[in-house]
């Protein structure tokens, strides 16, 4: 009996999802009344946001911190009352036992560190991106599945109540036939580290990844990509290395084609003047816009820390503001939420296939820019997500 590529992908995705649910249920059964032991690697600025989230959970125990700049691990351990510190991942893996590793290092080493953790039998939550290439990401997922381990990648934008509101509005047909969508996120660029501008860095895996995750989460997997990327500022001055040559894109425009002839667009860059910069509080710009023939929605603020959704479905009435409360959602909650899901034996909204799809989009965008061609995508994920 022959089977189409579409049916094969759908059956494979269902089988993978069933395997993950089964592994989570068995893990929960085998860990009654036990906390998930977590080790975090990468004690820079992002760890200041992750550690309070992890420490707030009654189901999680942070047992170890690791950083190649060992003094940073020591300082964070003292501040957050973590008992063990290490200067290298190999020492941490050979040290005090733990169940899940949280990766918040420079993005260029995410793939190799996540692989080491999986090889050692640890679940992994990784900051974005979870790998540096789509092939590396697929290999990590295959490795995790073979060992009945869980792997997840940031961002956690699908957890926000604003995302849920937008998704349900679309699924209920309130916008009519969806045609187009737009996402944007940018500022004048980080100054504290060179890795953002070095090979393997760039504005897409640092900034555009949020919009890509939101738009594909709302509209479904992208089928193809066309893009243009550029380097606007060829040199930067950063705190850790002084003046450097910029090697990764600091300006990108990405067109995504979804099912039903829907087209979305993402623009991101490190050359966008915005007084808010990394700070989301008070941001009133629309980071996401969705257009249909019955109505449109505009997400207020950044999609990783939004403050509401403006919905316009009337020819005569003004648009209305919805979903203004965070309901406890924070962008840095991903590691806590997924860690708790292991203990509870439940499946979170965040899924690794979605993160892998976004990673393929980033790689395809670079290939499209380099060749001037449309790039077809192969990855899928379970959709709708809400």
Protein backbone atom coordinates (compact mmCIF):
# COMPACT_ATOMS: atom_id res chain seq x y z
CA UNK A 1 0.00 0.00 0.00
CA UNK A 2 1.41 3.39 -0.98
CA UNK A 3 1.27 6.38 1.37
CA UNK A 4 1.58 10.06 0.51
CA UNK A 5 4.28 12.26 1.98
CA UNK A 6 1.62 14.33 3.77
CA UNK A 7 0.05 11.23 5.36
CA UNK A 8 3.48 9.91 6.32
CA UNK A 9 4.39 13.17 8.06
CA UNK A 10 1.05 13.28 9.88
CA UNK A 11 1.34 9.67 11.02
CA UNK A 12 4.95 10.25 12.12
CA UNK A 13 3.96 13.32 14.11
CA UNK A 14 1.13 11.43 15.83
CA UNK A 15 3.43 8.53 16.66
CA UNK A 16 6.04 10.90 18.07
CA UNK A 17 3.41 12.68 20.18
CA UNK A 18 2.09 9.36 21.51
CA UNK A 19 5.62 8.30 22.44
CA UNK A 20 6.22 11.58 24.29
CA UNK A 21 2.96 11.37 26.25
CA UNK A 22 3.71 7.76 27.17
CA UNK A 23 7.22 8.65 28.36
CA UNK A 24 5.90 11.56 30.44
CA UNK A 25 3.23 9.42 32.07
CA UNK A 26 5.75 6.70 32.95
CA UNK A 27 8.16 9.29 34.33
CA UNK A 28 5.44 10.77 36.55
CA UNK A 29 4.48 7.31 37.81
CA UNK A 30 8.09 6.53 38.65
CA UNK A 31 8.57 9.79 40.55
CA UNK A 32 5.78 9.95 43.17
CA UNK A 33 6.25 12.84 45.61
CA UNK A 34 9.66 13.60 44.12
CA UNK A 35 10.98 16.92 42.88
CA UNK A 36 12.59 17.35 39.49
CA UNK A 37 16.28 18.06 40.00
CA UNK A 38 17.44 20.82 37.64
CA UNK A 39 20.91 22.00 36.64
CA UNK A 40 21.32 25.28 34.77
CA UNK A 41 24.26 26.00 32.49
CA UNK A 42 25.04 29.59 31.50
CA UNK A 43 24.93 32.05 34.39
CA UNK A 44 24.75 35.30 32.43
CA UNK A 45 21.93 37.83 32.26
CA UNK A 46 19.17 35.41 31.21
CA UNK A 47 19.78 33.24 34.27
CA UNK A 48 18.63 36.18 36.41
CA UNK A 49 15.18 35.69 34.92
CA UNK A 50 15.15 31.89 34.80
CA UNK A 51 16.34 31.13 38.33
CA UNK A 52 13.55 32.95 40.19
CA UNK A 53 11.00 31.07 38.07
CA UNK A 54 12.62 27.70 38.76
CA UNK A 55 13.06 28.44 42.46
CA UNK A 56 9.40 29.43 42.75
CA UNK A 57 8.18 25.92 41.93
CA UNK A 58 7.39 23.41 44.67
CA UNK A 59 8.00 20.62 42.14
CA UNK A 60 11.52 21.67 41.13
CA UNK A 61 14.83 21.71 42.98
CA UNK A 62 17.75 23.62 41.42
CA UNK A 63 20.77 21.55 42.45
CA UNK A 64 23.62 22.87 40.27
CA UNK A 65 24.86 25.85 38.30
CA UNK A 66 27.58 25.83 35.65
CA UNK A 67 29.48 28.49 33.71
CA UNK A 68 32.86 28.53 31.95
CA UNK A 69 33.33 31.87 33.69
CA UNK A 70 33.21 30.09 37.01
CA UNK A 71 32.87 33.22 39.11
CA UNK A 72 29.47 33.84 37.55
CA UNK A 73 28.22 30.42 38.64
CA UNK A 74 29.51 31.06 42.16
CA UNK A 75 27.83 34.48 42.33
CA UNK A 76 24.48 33.14 41.11
CA UNK A 77 24.69 30.16 43.48
CA UNK A 78 25.16 32.53 46.37
CA UNK A 79 22.32 34.82 45.29
CA UNK A 80 19.83 32.03 44.60
CA UNK A 81 20.95 29.54 47.24
CA UNK A 82 22.05 26.74 44.89
CA UNK A 83 24.35 24.18 46.57
CA UNK A 84 26.65 23.07 43.73
CA UNK A 85 28.70 24.92 41.10
CA UNK A 86 30.84 23.74 38.18
CA UNK A 87 33.13 25.30 35.58
CA UNK A 88 32.41 22.85 32.75
CA UNK A 89 29.47 20.75 31.58
CA UNK A 90 31.49 17.52 31.84
CA UNK A 91 32.14 18.22 35.52
CA UNK A 92 28.47 18.99 36.09
CA UNK A 93 27.33 15.80 34.34
CA UNK A 94 29.76 13.79 36.45
CA UNK A 95 28.79 15.63 39.64
CA UNK A 96 25.65 15.80 41.74
CA UNK A 97 22.81 13.86 40.02
CA UNK A 98 20.05 15.82 38.27
CA UNK A 99 17.14 15.12 35.92
CA UNK A 100 16.89 18.11 33.55
CA UNK A 101 19.40 20.61 32.19
CA UNK A 102 18.40 24.20 31.41
CA UNK A 103 20.64 25.78 28.75
CA UNK A 104 21.03 29.57 28.84
CA UNK A 105 24.51 29.94 27.32
CA UNK A 106 25.68 31.70 24.15
CA UNK A 107 23.47 30.38 21.34
CA UNK A 108 26.37 29.01 19.27
CA UNK A 109 26.99 26.17 21.76
CA UNK A 110 23.39 25.17 22.49
CA UNK A 111 23.45 22.19 20.15
CA UNK A 112 26.60 20.57 21.48
CA UNK A 113 25.68 21.16 25.13
CA UNK A 114 22.15 19.83 24.65
CA UNK A 115 23.53 16.72 22.95
CA UNK A 116 25.89 16.04 25.86
CA UNK A 117 23.03 16.32 28.32
CA UNK A 118 20.79 13.98 26.32
CA UNK A 119 23.62 11.47 25.92
CA UNK A 120 23.97 11.53 29.71
CA UNK A 121 20.26 10.74 30.15
CA UNK A 122 19.02 14.23 31.04
CA UNK A 123 15.88 16.01 29.86
CA UNK A 124 16.64 19.41 28.28
CA UNK A 125 15.05 22.83 28.13
CA UNK A 126 17.09 25.08 25.85
CA UNK A 127 16.99 28.78 25.24
CA UNK A 128 16.58 29.64 21.57
CA UNK A 129 17.70 28.23 19.30
CA UNK A 130 17.97 24.64 20.55
CA UNK A 131 20.59 23.91 17.84
CA UNK A 132 22.51 25.83 15.20
CA UNK A 133 21.15 23.98 12.17
CA UNK A 134 17.93 22.18 11.34
CA UNK A 135 19.86 18.93 10.80
CA UNK A 136 21.44 19.26 14.24
CA UNK A 137 18.02 19.95 15.75
CA UNK A 138 16.48 16.88 14.08
CA UNK A 139 19.35 14.74 15.36
CA UNK A 140 18.81 16.04 18.91
CA UNK A 141 15.11 15.18 18.76
CA UNK A 142 15.86 11.70 17.41
CA UNK A 143 18.38 11.20 20.22
CA UNK A 144 15.88 12.36 22.85
CA UNK A 145 13.18 10.05 21.49
CA UNK A 146 15.56 7.08 21.38
CA UNK A 147 16.36 7.60 25.06
CA UNK A 148 12.73 8.38 26.06
CA UNK A 149 13.82 11.84 27.17
CA UNK A 150 12.13 15.22 26.74
CA UNK A 151 13.61 18.10 24.79
CA UNK A 152 12.11 21.56 24.48
CA UNK A 153 13.22 24.88 23.01
CA UNK A 154 12.30 28.49 23.73
CA UNK A 155 10.41 30.72 23.22
CA UNK A 156 7.30 30.13 25.35
CA UNK A 157 5.04 32.65 23.56
CA UNK A 158 2.30 30.04 23.01
CA UNK A 159 1.70 30.04 26.79
CA UNK A 160 0.43 33.62 26.98
CA UNK A 161 -3.31 34.34 27.41
CA UNK A 162 -3.02 36.77 24.51
CA UNK A 163 -1.83 33.97 22.22
CA UNK A 164 -4.74 31.80 23.41
CA UNK A 165 -7.22 34.60 22.70
CA UNK A 166 -5.84 35.19 19.20
CA UNK A 167 -5.75 31.49 18.37
CA UNK A 168 -9.34 30.91 19.50
CA UNK A 169 -10.52 34.01 17.61
CA UNK A 170 -8.98 32.61 14.43
CA UNK A 171 -10.26 29.06 15.00
CA UNK A 172 -13.79 30.33 15.67
CA UNK A 173 -13.76 32.13 12.31
CA UNK A 174 -14.27 35.61 13.74
CA UNK A 175 -11.75 37.10 11.31
CA UNK A 176 -13.25 35.28 8.33
CA UNK A 177 -10.82 34.00 5.71
CA UNK A 178 -7.29 34.80 6.89
CA UNK A 179 -5.10 36.42 4.23
CA UNK A 180 -2.04 38.05 5.73
CA UNK A 181 -0.09 38.64 8.91
CA UNK A 182 2.89 40.67 10.03
CA UNK A 183 5.35 40.44 12.91
CA UNK A 184 8.15 42.80 13.91
CA UNK A 185 10.71 43.00 16.67
CA UNK A 186 13.93 44.96 16.80
CA UNK A 187 16.16 47.38 18.69
CA UNK A 188 19.63 48.83 18.27
CA UNK A 189 21.37 45.64 19.37
CA UNK A 190 22.87 44.12 22.53
CA UNK A 191 26.15 45.58 23.75
CA UNK A 192 27.13 43.06 26.42
CA UNK A 193 28.37 40.17 24.28
CA UNK A 194 29.87 39.53 20.86
CA UNK A 195 28.04 36.25 20.24
CA UNK A 196 24.94 38.05 18.94
CA UNK A 197 26.96 39.24 15.93
CA UNK A 198 29.27 36.29 15.36
CA UNK A 199 28.65 33.35 13.04
CA UNK A 200 25.69 31.38 14.35
CA UNK A 201 24.20 34.48 15.97
CA UNK A 202 22.10 37.13 14.27
CA UNK A 203 18.80 38.93 14.62
CA UNK A 204 16.69 35.99 13.46
CA UNK A 205 17.58 33.48 16.21
CA UNK A 206 17.66 36.24 18.82
CA UNK A 207 14.65 38.39 17.86
CA UNK A 208 12.77 37.08 14.84
CA UNK A 209 12.35 33.71 16.53
CA UNK A 210 9.57 35.16 18.72
CA UNK A 211 7.48 36.40 15.78
CA UNK A 212 8.13 33.20 13.83
CA UNK A 213 6.90 31.12 16.76
CA UNK A 214 3.82 33.32 17.25
CA UNK A 215 2.82 33.49 13.58
CA UNK A 216 3.31 29.79 12.87
CA UNK A 217 1.58 28.99 16.15
CA UNK A 218 -1.44 31.06 15.09
CA UNK A 219 -1.51 30.32 11.35
CA UNK A 220 -0.04 26.82 11.24
CA UNK A 221 3.28 25.50 9.90
CA UNK A 222 4.91 27.41 7.06
CA UNK A 223 5.24 25.56 3.76
CA UNK A 224 7.90 27.77 2.18
CA UNK A 225 10.18 30.74 2.87
CA UNK A 226 11.50 33.67 0.85
CA UNK A 227 13.77 36.18 2.55
CA UNK A 228 16.29 38.96 2.31
CA UNK A 229 18.90 39.48 5.01
CA UNK A 230 21.70 42.02 5.30
CA UNK A 231 24.37 43.46 7.57
CA UNK A 232 23.70 47.17 8.05
CA UNK A 233 26.45 47.86 10.60
CA UNK A 234 29.60 45.89 9.63
CA UNK A 235 31.33 46.73 12.93
CA UNK A 236 30.10 46.80 16.51
CA UNK A 237 31.66 47.66 19.86
CA UNK A 238 30.72 45.22 22.62
CA UNK A 239 31.64 44.91 26.28
CA UNK A 240 33.45 41.57 26.18
CA UNK A 241 35.56 41.96 23.02
CA UNK A 242 35.62 45.63 22.09
CA UNK A 243 35.35 46.38 18.35
CA UNK A 244 34.28 43.34 16.31
CA UNK A 245 33.34 42.47 12.74
CA UNK A 246 29.66 41.58 12.33
CA UNK A 247 29.30 38.17 10.68
CA UNK A 248 25.60 37.35 11.15
CA UNK A 249 22.60 39.24 9.75
CA UNK A 250 21.52 42.28 11.73
CA UNK A 251 18.57 42.99 9.41
CA UNK A 252 16.08 40.46 8.05
CA UNK A 253 12.75 40.32 6.22
CA UNK A 254 11.10 36.91 5.93
CA UNK A 255 8.03 35.90 3.91
CA UNK A 256 6.23 32.71 4.99
CA UNK A 257 3.59 30.86 3.00
CA UNK A 258 1.16 28.82 5.11
CA UNK A 259 -1.72 26.56 4.11
CA UNK A 260 -4.84 28.07 2.50
CA UNK A 261 -2.70 30.66 0.66
CA UNK A 262 -2.02 32.63 3.85
CA UNK A 263 1.14 34.76 3.70
CA UNK A 264 2.91 36.20 6.73
CA UNK A 265 5.89 38.51 7.07
CA UNK A 266 8.50 38.96 9.80
CA UNK A 267 10.98 41.84 10.06
CA UNK A 268 13.67 41.88 12.73
CA UNK A 269 16.97 43.60 13.26
CA UNK A 270 19.61 45.17 15.46
CA UNK A 271 19.28 48.60 13.82
CA UNK A 272 15.74 49.55 14.82
CA UNK A 273 15.39 52.62 17.01
CA UNK A 274 12.95 51.89 19.81
CA UNK A 275 13.22 53.66 23.17
CA UNK A 276 11.86 50.53 24.88
CA UNK A 277 14.71 48.32 23.64
CA UNK A 278 14.55 45.10 25.67
CA UNK A 279 12.05 46.57 28.11
CA UNK A 280 8.46 45.63 27.37
CA UNK A 281 6.68 47.67 30.04
CA UNK A 282 4.67 50.45 28.45
CA UNK A 283 5.32 49.24 24.88
CA UNK A 284 2.32 50.27 22.78
CA UNK A 285 3.47 49.22 19.30
CA UNK A 286 1.73 46.32 17.58
CA UNK A 287 4.22 43.46 17.29
CA UNK A 288 1.78 41.07 15.56
CA UNK A 289 -1.03 41.88 13.12
CA UNK A 290 -3.46 39.35 11.61
CA UNK A 291 -5.82 40.26 8.75
CA UNK A 292 -8.91 38.45 7.48
CA UNK A 293 -11.87 39.52 5.38
CA UNK A 294 -14.19 39.80 8.41
CA UNK A 295 -11.79 41.45 10.84
CA UNK A 296 -8.26 41.98 12.08
CA UNK A 297 -6.29 41.65 15.32
CA UNK A 298 -3.34 43.64 16.58
CA UNK A 299 -1.19 42.40 19.46
CA UNK A 300 -0.12 45.28 21.68
CA UNK A 301 3.46 45.20 22.90
CA UNK A 302 6.03 42.49 22.29
CA UNK A 303 4.65 39.01 21.72
CA UNK A 304 6.86 37.67 24.53
CA UNK A 305 5.41 40.16 27.03
CA UNK A 306 2.22 41.58 25.61
CA UNK A 307 -0.43 43.73 27.25
CA UNK A 308 -3.53 43.04 25.16
CA UNK A 309 -5.15 42.34 21.81
CA UNK A 310 -7.07 44.91 19.79
CA UNK A 311 -9.86 43.22 17.83
CA UNK A 312 -11.64 45.02 14.98
CA UNK A 313 -14.64 43.19 13.45
CA UNK A 314 -17.17 46.00 12.90
CA UNK A 315 -17.72 48.54 10.12
CA UNK A 316 -19.39 50.92 12.57
CA UNK A 317 -18.08 50.21 16.06
CA UNK A 318 -14.53 51.04 17.25
CA UNK A 319 -12.09 48.17 17.85
CA UNK A 320 -12.17 46.57 21.29
CA UNK A 321 -9.29 45.72 23.60
CA UNK A 322 -9.19 42.14 24.92
CA UNK A 323 -6.93 39.88 27.01
CA UNK A 324 -5.20 42.64 28.96
CA UNK A 325 -4.06 40.49 31.89
CA UNK A 326 -0.91 38.33 31.96
CA UNK A 327 -2.62 35.71 34.18
CA UNK A 328 0.80 34.90 35.61
CA UNK A 329 2.49 34.31 32.25
CA UNK A 330 6.14 35.37 31.93
CA UNK A 331 8.40 34.77 28.93
CA UNK A 332 10.99 33.06 31.14
CA UNK A 333 8.57 30.46 32.46
CA UNK A 334 9.29 27.80 29.82
CA UNK A 335 11.80 25.76 31.83
CA UNK A 336 9.58 25.79 34.90
CA UNK A 337 6.41 24.87 33.02
CA UNK A 338 8.00 22.03 31.07
CA UNK A 339 9.86 20.80 34.14
CA UNK A 340 6.64 20.68 36.11
CA UNK A 341 4.94 18.86 33.23
CA UNK A 342 7.43 16.01 33.61
CA UNK A 343 6.53 15.58 37.26
CA UNK A 344 2.79 15.91 36.59
CA UNK A 345 2.87 13.60 33.58
CA UNK A 346 1.05 16.09 31.35
CA UNK A 347 1.83 17.53 27.94
CA UNK A 348 2.53 21.30 27.88
CA UNK A 349 1.46 23.62 25.06
CA UNK A 350 5.11 24.15 24.17
CA UNK A 351 6.37 21.38 21.89
CA UNK A 352 9.76 20.62 20.44
CA UNK A 353 8.47 20.09 16.90
CA UNK A 354 7.35 23.73 16.87
CA UNK A 355 10.80 24.92 17.98
CA UNK A 356 12.36 22.69 15.32
CA UNK A 357 10.08 24.18 12.67
CA UNK A 358 11.16 27.71 13.62
CA UNK A 359 14.79 26.60 13.42
CA UNK A 360 14.19 25.30 9.88
CA UNK A 361 12.61 28.66 8.95
CA UNK A 362 15.71 30.55 10.13
CA UNK A 363 18.04 28.33 8.15
CA UNK A 364 15.78 28.46 5.08
CA UNK A 365 15.63 32.27 5.27
CA UNK A 366 19.41 32.48 5.11
CA UNK A 367 19.48 30.08 2.17
CA UNK A 368 16.76 32.04 0.37
CA UNK A 369 18.63 35.30 0.86
CA UNK A 370 21.84 33.77 -0.44
CA UNK A 371 20.26 32.14 -3.52
CA UNK A 372 17.32 34.42 -4.28
CA UNK A 373 15.03 31.39 -4.34
CA UNK A 374 11.95 30.18 -2.49
CA UNK A 375 12.88 27.42 -0.04
CA UNK A 376 10.41 24.62 0.67
CA UNK A 377 10.07 23.37 4.25
CA UNK A 378 9.60 19.82 5.50
CA UNK A 379 8.97 20.16 9.25
CA UNK A 380 5.50 20.07 10.83
CA UNK A 381 4.02 20.33 14.31
CA UNK A 382 0.66 19.65 15.92
CA UNK A 383 -1.73 22.49 15.10
CA UNK A 384 -3.84 24.29 16.22
CA UNK A 385 -1.90 24.66 19.44
CA UNK A 386 -4.79 26.13 21.46
